[in-house]
Amino acid sequence: SSGINAEYGVKRSGSNTNSNAELKRLQAELTDMTLTVEGIEKERDFYFGKLRTIEELCQDKEGDETHAEFIATLLEILYATEEGFGGPGDELDGEEEEEQEEY
């Protein structure tokens, strides 16, 4: 049964059975993708927490001459960025980027 859905202006083709099967398939795909995103966000937050703890420990020991080179290297790794990659809010003008790269 072909027709125009008055509410959305979408022309249907095929039977309701095909439409229902397609809808169920898309709903299952959406559920799967939602679970995947939630899992990735949880993993991201887990590792971010670990890195934040390491950063805080390094900052606390920054003045310690015993491990100064090691701590400087760790901080350099933590603050390094890849070209074209940045998190939300990383839109810096050129001057701020140069200051950040000095760390």
PDB file of N, CA and C in Angstrom:
ATOM      1  N   SER A   1       0.834  -1.185   0.000  1.00  0.00           N
ATOM      2  CA  SER A   1       0.000   0.000   0.000  1.00  0.00           C
ATOM      3  C   SER A   1       0.874   1.242   0.000  1.00  0.00           C
ATOM      4  N   SER A   2       0.908   1.919  -1.124  1.00  0.00           N
ATOM      5  CA  SER A   2       1.678   3.160  -1.235  1.00  0.00           C
ATOM      6  C   SER A   2       0.778   4.320  -0.905  1.00  0.00           C
ATOM      7  N   GLY A   3       1.365   5.346  -0.336  1.00  0.00           N
ATOM      8  CA  GLY A   3       0.586   6.518  -0.017  1.00  0.00           C
ATOM      9  C   GLY A   3       1.469   7.592   0.547  1.00  0.00           C
ATOM     10  N   ILE A   4       0.876   8.736   0.787  1.00  0.00           N
ATOM     11  CA  ILE A   4       1.598   9.866   1.359  1.00  0.00           C
ATOM     12  C   ILE A   4       1.223   9.952   2.825  1.00  0.00           C
ATOM     13  N   ASN A   5       2.216  10.002   3.688  1.00  0.00           N
ATOM     14  CA  ASN A   5       1.983  10.209   5.109  1.00  0.00           C
ATOM     15  C   ASN A   5       1.732  11.688   5.285  1.00  0.00           C
ATOM     16  N   ALA A   6       0.508  12.043   5.628  1.00  0.00           N
ATOM     17  CA  ALA A   6       0.102  13.451   5.689  1.00  0.00           C
ATOM     18  C   ALA A   6       0.918  14.230   6.709  1.00  0.00           C
ATOM     19  N   GLU A   7       1.249  13.614   7.819  1.00  0.00           N
ATOM     20  CA  GLU A   7       1.962  14.331   8.880  1.00  0.00           C
ATOM     21  C   GLU A   7       3.382  14.693   8.462  1.00  0.00           C
ATOM     22  N   TYR A   8       4.075  13.799   7.780  1.00  0.00           N
ATOM     23  CA  TYR A   8       5.476  14.030   7.447  1.00  0.00           C
ATOM     24  C   TYR A   8       5.717  14.257   5.963  1.00  0.00           C
ATOM     25  N   GLY A   9       4.715  14.045   5.135  1.00  0.00           N
ATOM     26  CA  GLY A   9       4.886  14.223   3.700  1.00  0.00           C
ATOM     27  C   GLY A   9       5.837  13.215   3.090  1.00  0.00           C
ATOM     28  N   VAL A  10       5.895  12.024   3.667  1.00  0.00           N
ATOM     29  CA  VAL A  10       6.803  10.985   3.202  1.00  0.00           C
ATOM     30  C   VAL A  10       6.009   9.951   2.439  1.00  0.00           C
ATOM     31  N   LYS A  11       6.485   9.616   1.262  1.00  0.00           N
ATOM     32  CA  LYS A  11       5.817   8.596   0.470  1.00  0.00           C
ATOM     33  C   LYS A  11       6.295   7.233   0.926  1.00  0.00           C
ATOM     34  N   ARG A  12       5.352   6.375   1.202  1.00  0.00           N
ATOM     35  CA  ARG A  12       5.696   5.014   1.633  1.00  0.00           C
ATOM     36  C   ARG A  12       5.737   4.101   0.431  1.00  0.00           C
ATOM     37  N   SER A  13       6.637   3.173   0.456  1.00  0.00           N
ATOM     38  CA  SER A  13       6.649   2.135  -0.564  1.00  0.00           C
ATOM     39  C   SER A  13       6.778   0.812   0.155  1.00  0.00           C
ATOM     40  N   GLY A  14       6.140  -0.184  -0.355  1.00  0.00           N
ATOM     41  CA  GLY A  14       6.200  -1.491   0.281  1.00  0.00           C
ATOM     42  C   GLY A  14       5.082  -1.664   1.283  1.00  0.00           C
ATOM     43  N   SER A  15       5.078  -2.797   1.947  1.00  0.00           N
ATOM     44  CA  SER A  15       4.011  -3.114   2.887  1.00  0.00           C
ATOM     45  C   SER A  15       4.361  -2.633   4.287  1.00  0.00           C
ATOM     46  N   ASN A  16       3.370  -2.642   5.162  1.00  0.00           N
ATOM     47  CA  ASN A  16       3.594  -2.301   6.564  1.00  0.00           C
ATOM     48  C   ASN A  16       4.556  -3.285   7.213  1.00  0.00           C
ATOM     49  N   THR A  17       4.522  -4.529   6.766  1.00  0.00           N
ATOM     50  CA  THR A  17       5.409  -5.547   7.333  1.00  0.00           C
ATOM     51  C   THR A  17       6.865  -5.166   7.069  1.00  0.00           C
ATOM     52  N   ASN A  18       7.161  -4.744   5.847  1.00  0.00           N
ATOM     53  CA  ASN A  18       8.523  -4.326   5.514  1.00  0.00           C
ATOM     54  C   ASN A  18       8.909  -3.089   6.313  1.00  0.00           C
ATOM     55  N   SER A  19       7.979  -2.146   6.438  1.00  0.00           N
ATOM     56  CA  SER A  19       8.254  -0.921   7.192  1.00  0.00           C
ATOM     57  C   SER A  19       8.502  -1.231   8.658  1.00  0.00           C
ATOM     58  N   ASN A  20       7.695  -2.116   9.229  1.00  0.00           N
ATOM     59  CA  ASN A  20       7.871  -2.489  10.637  1.00  0.00           C
ATOM     60  C   ASN A  20       9.190  -3.215  10.857  1.00  0.00           C
ATOM     61  N   ALA A  21       9.552  -4.072   9.929  1.00  0.00           N
ATOM     62  CA  ALA A  21      10.819  -4.801  10.042  1.00  0.00           C
ATOM     63  C   ALA A  21      11.988  -3.820   9.958  1.00  0.00           C
ATOM     64  N   GLU A  22      11.888  -2.857   9.038  1.00  0.00           N
ATOM     65  CA  GLU A  22      12.946  -1.863   8.891  1.00  0.00           C
ATOM     66  C   GLU A  22      13.032  -0.994  10.143  1.00  0.00           C
ATOM     67  N   LEU A  23      11.886  -0.606  10.698  1.00  0.00           N
ATOM     68  CA  LEU A  23      11.857   0.195  11.911  1.00  0.00           C
ATOM     69  C   LEU A  23      12.505  -0.557  13.074  1.00  0.00           C
ATOM     70  N   LYS A  24      12.175  -1.824  13.225  1.00  0.00           N
ATOM     71  CA  LYS A  24      12.773  -2.633  14.300  1.00  0.00           C
ATOM     72  C   LYS A  24      14.276  -2.764  14.103  1.00  0.00           C
ATOM     73  N   ARG A  25      14.716  -2.944  12.857  1.00  0.00           N
ATOM     74  CA  ARG A  25      16.141  -3.062  12.571  1.00  0.00           C
ATOM     75  C   ARG A  25      16.862  -1.761  12.935  1.00  0.00           C
ATOM     76  N   LEU A  26      16.269  -0.631  12.550  1.00  0.00           N
ATOM     77  CA  LEU A  26      16.879   0.655  12.851  1.00  0.00           C
ATOM     78  C   LEU A  26      16.886   0.941  14.352  1.00  0.00           C
ATOM     79  N   GLN A  27      15.819   0.551  15.045  1.00  0.00           N
ATOM     80  CA  GLN A  27      15.778   0.735  16.501  1.00  0.00           C
ATOM     81  C   GLN A  27      16.851  -0.103  17.178  1.00  0.00           C
ATOM     82  N   ALA A  28      17.044  -1.320  16.714  1.00  0.00           N
ATOM     83  CA  ALA A  28      18.080  -2.194  17.278  1.00  0.00           C
ATOM     84  C   ALA A  28      19.467  -1.603  17.002  1.00  0.00           C
ATOM     85  N   GLU A  29      19.652  -1.073  15.797  1.00  0.00           N
ATOM     86  CA  GLU A  29      20.941  -0.459  15.445  1.00  0.00           C
ATOM     87  C   GLU A  29      21.197   0.777  16.313  1.00  0.00           C
ATOM     88  N   LEU A  30      20.159   1.577  16.544  1.00  0.00           N
ATOM     89  CA  LEU A  30      20.295   2.757  17.393  1.00  0.00           C
ATOM     90  C   LEU A  30      20.633   2.358  18.826  1.00  0.00           C
ATOM     91  N   THR A  31      19.975   1.335  19.342  1.00  0.00           N
ATOM     92  CA  THR A  31      20.256   0.850  20.695  1.00  0.00           C
ATOM     93  C   THR A  31      21.703   0.374  20.795  1.00  0.00           C
ATOM     94  N   ASP A  32      22.146  -0.365  19.793  1.00  0.00           N
ATOM     95  CA  ASP A  32      23.524  -0.859  19.774  1.00  0.00           C
ATOM     96  C   ASP A  32      24.522   0.295  19.752  1.00  0.00           C
ATOM     97  N   MET A  33      24.259   1.291  18.912  1.00  0.00           N
ATOM     98  CA  MET A  33      25.168   2.442  18.826  1.00  0.00           C
ATOM     99  C   MET A  33      25.159   3.249  20.120  1.00  0.00           C
ATOM    100  N   THR A  34      24.009   3.377  20.742  1.00  0.00           N
ATOM    101  CA  THR A  34      23.912   4.108  22.011  1.00  0.00           C
ATOM    102  C   THR A  34      24.732   3.416  23.083  1.00  0.00           C
ATOM    103  N   LEU A  35      24.629   2.090  23.154  1.00  0.00           N
ATOM    104  CA  LEU A  35      25.412   1.327  24.128  1.00  0.00           C
ATOM    105  C   LEU A  35      26.911   1.446  23.848  1.00  0.00           C
ATOM    106  N   THR A  36      27.278   1.447  22.572  1.00  0.00           N
ATOM    107  CA  THR A  36      28.682   1.597  22.196  1.00  0.00           C
ATOM    108  C   THR A  36      29.208   2.952  22.635  1.00  0.00           C
ATOM    109  N   VAL A  37      28.449   4.009  22.366  1.00  0.00           N
ATOM    110  CA  VAL A  37      28.866   5.358  22.760  1.00  0.00           C
ATOM    111  C   VAL A  37      28.991   5.456  24.279  1.00  0.00           C
ATOM    112  N   GLU A  38      28.035   4.898  25.005  1.00  0.00           N
ATOM    113  CA  GLU A  38      28.101   4.939  26.466  1.00  0.00           C
ATOM    114  C   GLU A  38      29.343   4.220  26.981  1.00  0.00           C
ATOM    115  N   GLY A  39      29.664   3.091  26.380  1.00  0.00           N
ATOM    116  CA  GLY A  39      30.853   2.337  26.776  1.00  0.00           C
ATOM    117  C   GLY A  39      32.133   3.114  26.492  1.00  0.00           C
ATOM    118  N   ILE A  40      32.187   3.746  25.332  1.00  0.00           N
ATOM    119  CA  ILE A  40      33.369   4.532  24.962  1.00  0.00           C
ATOM    120  C   ILE A  40      33.509   5.735  25.884  1.00  0.00           C
ATOM    121  N   GLU A  41      32.393   6.396  26.208  1.00  0.00           N
ATOM    122  CA  GLU A  41      32.454   7.548  27.115  1.00  0.00           C
ATOM    123  C   GLU A  41      32.919   7.130  28.512  1.00  0.00           C
ATOM    124  N   LYS A  42      32.454   5.969  28.971  1.00  0.00           N
ATOM    125  CA  LYS A  42      32.866   5.471  30.286  1.00  0.00           C
ATOM    126  C   LYS A  42      34.369   5.174  30.292  1.00  0.00           C
ATOM    127  N   GLU A  43      34.848   4.544  29.230  1.00  0.00           N
ATOM    128  CA  GLU A  43      36.274   4.233  29.121  1.00  0.00           C
ATOM    129  C   GLU A  43      37.097   5.517  29.045  1.00  0.00           C
ATOM    130  N   ARG A  44      36.633   6.503  28.268  1.00  0.00           N
ATOM    131  CA  ARG A  44      37.325   7.792  28.164  1.00  0.00           C
ATOM    132  C   ARG A  44      37.440   8.448  29.539  1.00  0.00           C
ATOM    133  N   ASP A  45      36.336   8.474  30.272  1.00  0.00           N
ATOM    134  CA  ASP A  45      36.328   9.100  31.596  1.00  0.00           C
ATOM    135  C   ASP A  45      37.268   8.372  32.563  1.00  0.00           C
ATOM    136  N   PHE A  46      37.315   7.053  32.465  1.00  0.00           N
ATOM    137  CA  PHE A  46      38.189   6.246  33.307  1.00  0.00           C
ATOM    138  C   PHE A  46      39.655   6.633  33.079  1.00  0.00           C
ATOM    139  N   TYR A  47      40.077   6.649  31.811  1.00  0.00           N
ATOM    140  CA  TYR A  47      41.469   6.970  31.509  1.00  0.00           C
ATOM    141  C   TYR A  47      41.774   8.444  31.739  1.00  0.00           C
ATOM    142  N   PHE A  48      40.815   9.316  31.505  1.00  0.00           N
ATOM    143  CA  PHE A  48      41.028  10.730  31.797  1.00  0.00           C
ATOM    144  C   PHE A  48      41.291  10.909  33.291  1.00  0.00           C
ATOM    145  N   GLY A  49      40.548  10.208  34.133  1.00  0.00           N
ATOM    146  CA  GLY A  49      40.749  10.290  35.578  1.00  0.00           C
ATOM    147  C   GLY A  49      42.150   9.853  35.974  1.00  0.00           C
ATOM    148  N   LYS A  50      42.629   8.784  35.355  1.00  0.00           N
ATOM    149  CA  LYS A  50      43.990   8.315  35.635  1.00  0.00           C
ATOM    150  C   LYS A  50      45.027   9.359  35.212  1.00  0.00           C
ATOM    151  N   LEU A  51      44.851   9.913  34.030  1.00  0.00           N
ATOM    152  CA  LEU A  51      45.798  10.920  33.549  1.00  0.00           C
ATOM    153  C   LEU A  51      45.753  12.173  34.407  1.00  0.00           C
ATOM    154  N   ARG A  52      44.580  12.547  34.850  1.00  0.00           N
ATOM    155  CA  ARG A  52      44.450  13.732  35.710  1.00  0.00           C
ATOM    156  C   ARG A  52      45.187  13.507  37.033  1.00  0.00           C
ATOM    157  N   THR A  53      45.080  12.313  37.596  1.00  0.00           N
ATOM    158  CA  THR A  53      45.785  11.991  38.833  1.00  0.00           C
ATOM    159  C   THR A  53      47.298  12.052  38.623  1.00  0.00           C
ATOM    160  N   ILE A  54      47.775  11.522  37.513  1.00  0.00           N
ATOM    161  CA  ILE A  54      49.205  11.577  37.198  1.00  0.00           C
ATOM    162  C   ILE A  54      49.651  13.028  37.042  1.00  0.00           C
ATOM    163  N   GLU A  55      48.844  13.829  36.365  1.00  0.00           N
ATOM    164  CA  GLU A  55      49.170  15.249  36.193  1.00  0.00           C
ATOM    165  C   GLU A  55      49.284  15.947  37.546  1.00  0.00           C
ATOM    166  N   GLU A  56      48.344  15.693  38.446  1.00  0.00           N
ATOM    167  CA  GLU A  56      48.375  16.320  39.773  1.00  0.00           C
ATOM    168  C   GLU A  56      49.612  15.899  40.557  1.00  0.00           C
ATOM    169  N   LEU A  57      49.962  14.622  40.488  1.00  0.00           N
ATOM    170  CA  LEU A  57      51.173  14.148  41.170  1.00  0.00           C
ATOM    171  C   LEU A  57      52.419  14.826  40.609  1.00  0.00           C
ATOM    172  N   CYS A  58      52.483  14.948  39.299  1.00  0.00           N
ATOM    173  CA  CYS A  58      53.636  15.612  38.670  1.00  0.00           C
ATOM    174  C   CYS A  58      53.705  17.076  39.080  1.00  0.00           C
ATOM    175  N   GLN A  59      52.563  17.748  39.089  1.00  0.00           N
ATOM    176  CA  GLN A  59      52.556  19.158  39.468  1.00  0.00           C
ATOM    177  C   GLN A  59      52.982  19.337  40.914  1.00  0.00           C
ATOM    178  N   ASP A  60      52.588  18.419  41.780  1.00  0.00           N
ATOM    179  CA  ASP A  60      52.987  18.493  43.185  1.00  0.00           C
ATOM    180  C   ASP A  60      54.501  18.316  43.354  1.00  0.00           C
ATOM    181  N   LYS A  61      55.110  17.541  42.479  1.00  0.00           N
ATOM    182  CA  LYS A  61      56.551  17.240  42.585  1.00  0.00           C
ATOM    183  C   LYS A  61      57.404  18.068  41.634  1.00  0.00           C
ATOM    184  N   GLU A  62      56.816  19.036  40.954  1.00  0.00           N
ATOM    185  CA  GLU A  62      57.555  19.808  39.953  1.00  0.00           C
ATOM    186  C   GLU A  62      58.818  20.467  40.492  1.00  0.00           C
ATOM    187  N   GLY A  63      58.833  20.954  41.700  1.00  0.00           N
ATOM    188  CA  GLY A  63      59.999  21.616  42.262  1.00  0.00           C
ATOM    189  C   GLY A  63      61.036  20.650  42.823  1.00  0.00           C
ATOM    190  N   ASP A  64      60.734  19.376  42.888  1.00  0.00           N
ATOM    191  CA  ASP A  64      61.625  18.353  43.436  1.00  0.00           C
ATOM    192  C   ASP A  64      62.765  18.084  42.458  1.00  0.00           C
ATOM    193  N   GLU A  65      63.961  18.467  42.829  1.00  0.00           N
ATOM    194  CA  GLU A  65      65.120  18.332  41.946  1.00  0.00           C
ATOM    195  C   GLU A  65      65.532  16.872  41.732  1.00  0.00           C
ATOM    196  N   THR A  66      65.133  15.982  42.631  1.00  0.00           N
ATOM    197  CA  THR A  66      65.523  14.582  42.527  1.00  0.00           C
ATOM    198  C   THR A  66      65.025  13.949  41.226  1.00  0.00           C
ATOM    199  N   HIS A  67      63.798  14.270  40.852  1.00  0.00           N
ATOM    200  CA  HIS A  67      63.192  13.654  39.663  1.00  0.00           C
ATOM    201  C   HIS A  67      62.736  14.705  38.652  1.00  0.00           C
ATOM    202  N   ALA A  68      63.376  15.858  38.643  1.00  0.00           N
ATOM    203  CA  ALA A  68      62.946  16.987  37.819  1.00  0.00           C
ATOM    204  C   ALA A  68      62.854  16.624  36.331  1.00  0.00           C
ATOM    205  N   GLU A  69      63.862  15.949  35.816  1.00  0.00           N
ATOM    206  CA  GLU A  69      63.859  15.607  34.386  1.00  0.00           C
ATOM    207  C   GLU A  69      62.734  14.631  34.049  1.00  0.00           C
ATOM    208  N   PHE A  70      62.560  13.635  34.917  1.00  0.00           N
ATOM    209  CA  PHE A  70      61.492  12.641  34.710  1.00  0.00           C
ATOM    210  C   PHE A  70      60.119  13.306  34.731  1.00  0.00           C
ATOM    211  N   ILE A  71      59.887  14.171  35.692  1.00  0.00           N
ATOM    212  CA  ILE A  71      58.599  14.854  35.829  1.00  0.00           C
ATOM    213  C   ILE A  71      58.376  15.786  34.638  1.00  0.00           C
ATOM    214  N   ALA A  72      59.409  16.489  34.215  1.00  0.00           N
ATOM    215  CA  ALA A  72      59.292  17.372  33.053  1.00  0.00           C
ATOM    216  C   ALA A  72      58.917  16.576  31.804  1.00  0.00           C
ATOM    217  N   THR A  73      59.511  15.390  31.657  1.00  0.00           N
ATOM    218  CA  THR A  73      59.193  14.535  30.519  1.00  0.00           C
ATOM    219  C   THR A  73      57.742  14.061  30.583  1.00  0.00           C
ATOM    220  N   LEU A  74      57.310  13.639  31.755  1.00  0.00           N
ATOM    221  CA  LEU A  74      55.912  13.211  31.911  1.00  0.00           C
ATOM    222  C   LEU A  74      54.940  14.336  31.571  1.00  0.00           C
ATOM    223  N   LEU A  75      55.195  15.523  32.084  1.00  0.00           N
ATOM    224  CA  LEU A  75      54.323  16.664  31.805  1.00  0.00           C
ATOM    225  C   LEU A  75      54.329  17.012  30.321  1.00  0.00           C
ATOM    226  N   GLU A  76      55.484  16.897  29.696  1.00  0.00           N
ATOM    227  CA  GLU A  76      55.570  17.152  28.259  1.00  0.00           C
ATOM    228  C   GLU A  76      54.688  16.173  27.491  1.00  0.00           C
ATOM    229  N   ILE A  77      54.725  14.917  27.871  1.00  0.00           N
ATOM    230  CA  ILE A  77      53.887  13.895  27.228  1.00  0.00           C
ATOM    231  C   ILE A  77      52.406  14.189  27.476  1.00  0.00           C
ATOM    232  N   LEU A  78      52.068  14.523  28.710  1.00  0.00           N
ATOM    233  CA  LEU A  78      50.669  14.787  29.041  1.00  0.00           C
ATOM    234  C   LEU A  78      50.102  15.978  28.279  1.00  0.00           C
ATOM    235  N   TYR A  79      50.921  16.999  28.057  1.00  0.00           N
ATOM    236  CA  TYR A  79      50.444  18.224  27.423  1.00  0.00           C
ATOM    237  C   TYR A  79      50.632  18.246  25.915  1.00  0.00           C
ATOM    238  N   ALA A  80      51.280  17.227  25.361  1.00  0.00           N
ATOM    239  CA  ALA A  80      51.493  17.182  23.916  1.00  0.00           C
ATOM    240  C   ALA A  80      50.162  16.991  23.194  1.00  0.00           C
ATOM    241  N   THR A  81      50.047  17.624  22.040  1.00  0.00           N
ATOM    242  CA  THR A  81      48.852  17.465  21.214  1.00  0.00           C
ATOM    243  C   THR A  81      49.269  17.059  19.817  1.00  0.00           C
ATOM    244  N   GLU A  82      48.356  16.424  19.119  1.00  0.00           N
ATOM    245  CA  GLU A  82      48.585  16.075  17.728  1.00  0.00           C
ATOM    246  C   GLU A  82      48.016  17.174  16.857  1.00  0.00           C
ATOM    247  N   GLU A  83      48.628  17.391  15.730  1.00  0.00           N
ATOM    248  CA  GLU A  83      48.124  18.379  14.777  1.00  0.00           C
ATOM    249  C   GLU A  83      46.703  17.995  14.374  1.00  0.00           C
ATOM    250  N   GLY A  84      45.805  18.950  14.456  1.00  0.00           N
ATOM    251  CA  GLY A  84      44.423  18.713  14.048  1.00  0.00           C
ATOM    252  C   GLY A  84      43.575  18.013  15.086  1.00  0.00           C
ATOM    253  N   PHE A  85      44.123  17.740  16.261  1.00  0.00           N
ATOM    254  CA  PHE A  85      43.348  17.065  17.298  1.00  0.00           C
ATOM    255  C   PHE A  85      43.310  17.920  18.539  1.00  0.00           C
ATOM    256  N   GLY A  86      42.158  18.038  19.105  1.00  0.00           N
ATOM    257  CA  GLY A  86      42.009  18.782  20.345  1.00  0.00           C
ATOM    258  C   GLY A  86      40.646  18.483  20.929  1.00  0.00           C
ATOM    259  N   GLY A  87      40.527  18.677  22.188  1.00  0.00           N
ATOM    260  CA  GLY A  87      39.253  18.439  22.843  1.00  0.00           C
ATOM    261  C   GLY A  87      38.357  19.642  22.749  1.00  0.00           C
ATOM    262  N   PRO A  88      37.166  19.543  23.299  1.00  0.00           N
ATOM    263  CA  PRO A  88      36.243  20.668  23.318  1.00  0.00           C
ATOM    264  C   PRO A  88      36.871  21.856  24.035  1.00  0.00           C
ATOM    265  N   GLY A  89      36.681  23.036  23.486  1.00  0.00           N
ATOM    266  CA  GLY A  89      37.213  24.240  24.116  1.00  0.00           C
ATOM    267  C   GLY A  89      38.683  24.464  23.842  1.00  0.00           C
ATOM    268  N   ASP A  90      39.266  23.716  22.918  1.00  0.00           N
ATOM    269  CA  ASP A  90      40.691  23.871  22.612  1.00  0.00           C
ATOM    270  C   ASP A  90      40.947  24.875  21.499  1.00  0.00           C
ATOM    271  N   GLU A  91      39.980  25.730  21.206  1.00  0.00           N
ATOM    272  CA  GLU A  91      40.168  26.744  20.184  1.00  0.00           C
ATOM    273  C   GLU A  91      40.990  27.872  20.783  1.00  0.00           C
ATOM    274  N   LEU A  92      42.304  27.843  20.552  1.00  0.00           N
ATOM    275  CA  LEU A  92      43.220  28.840  21.083  1.00  0.00           C
ATOM    276  C   LEU A  92      43.729  29.703  19.952  1.00  0.00           C
ATOM    277  N   ASP A  93      44.001  30.972  20.234  1.00  0.00           N
ATOM    278  CA  ASP A  93      44.644  31.777  19.197  1.00  0.00           C
ATOM    279  C   ASP A  93      46.129  31.443  19.194  1.00  0.00           C
ATOM    280  N   GLY A  94      46.846  31.886  18.182  1.00  0.00           N
ATOM    281  CA  GLY A  94      48.250  31.523  17.999  1.00  0.00           C
ATOM    282  C   GLY A  94      49.124  31.825  19.187  1.00  0.00           C
ATOM    283  N   GLU A  95      48.910  32.947  19.862  1.00  0.00           N
ATOM    284  CA  GLU A  95      49.752  33.334  20.995  1.00  0.00           C
ATOM    285  C   GLU A  95      49.616  32.346  22.143  1.00  0.00           C
ATOM    286  N   GLU A  96      48.396  31.950  22.453  1.00  0.00           N
ATOM    287  CA  GLU A  96      48.183  30.999  23.549  1.00  0.00           C
ATOM    288  C   GLU A  96      48.756  29.634  23.204  1.00  0.00           C
ATOM    289  N   GLU A  97      48.668  29.232  21.925  1.00  0.00           N
ATOM    290  CA  GLU A  97      49.211  27.941  21.519  1.00  0.00           C
ATOM    291  C   GLU A  97      50.719  27.917  21.735  1.00  0.00           C
ATOM    292  N   GLU A  98      51.417  29.001  21.400  1.00  0.00           N
ATOM    293  CA  GLU A  98      52.862  29.046  21.578  1.00  0.00           C
ATOM    294  C   GLU A  98      53.229  28.909  23.051  1.00  0.00           C
ATOM    295  N   GLU A  99      52.487  29.574  23.929  1.00  0.00           N
ATOM    296  CA  GLU A  99      52.762  29.465  25.369  1.00  0.00           C
ATOM    297  C   GLU A  99      52.557  28.048  25.843  1.00  0.00           C
ATOM    298  N   GLN A 100      51.486  27.391  25.362  1.00  0.00           N
ATOM    299  CA  GLN A 100      51.172  26.042  25.807  1.00  0.00           C
ATOM    300  C   GLN A 100      52.260  25.062  25.354  1.00  0.00           C
ATOM    301  N   GLU A 101      52.809  25.245  24.158  1.00  0.00           N
ATOM    302  CA  GLU A 101      53.816  24.331  23.647  1.00  0.00           C
ATOM    303  C   GLU A 101      55.116  24.385  24.424  1.00  0.00           C
ATOM    304  N   GLU A 102      55.347  25.457  25.173  1.00  0.00           N
ATOM    305  CA  GLU A 102      56.574  25.584  25.946  1.00  0.00           C
ATOM    306  C   GLU A 102      56.599  24.608  27.117  1.00  0.00           C
ATOM    307  N   TYR A 103      55.491  24.136  27.580  1.00  0.00           N
ATOM    308  CA  TYR A 103      55.443  23.210  28.705  1.00  0.00           C
ATOM    309  C   TYR A 103      55.973  21.918  28.233  1.00  0.00           C
TER     310      TYR A 103
END
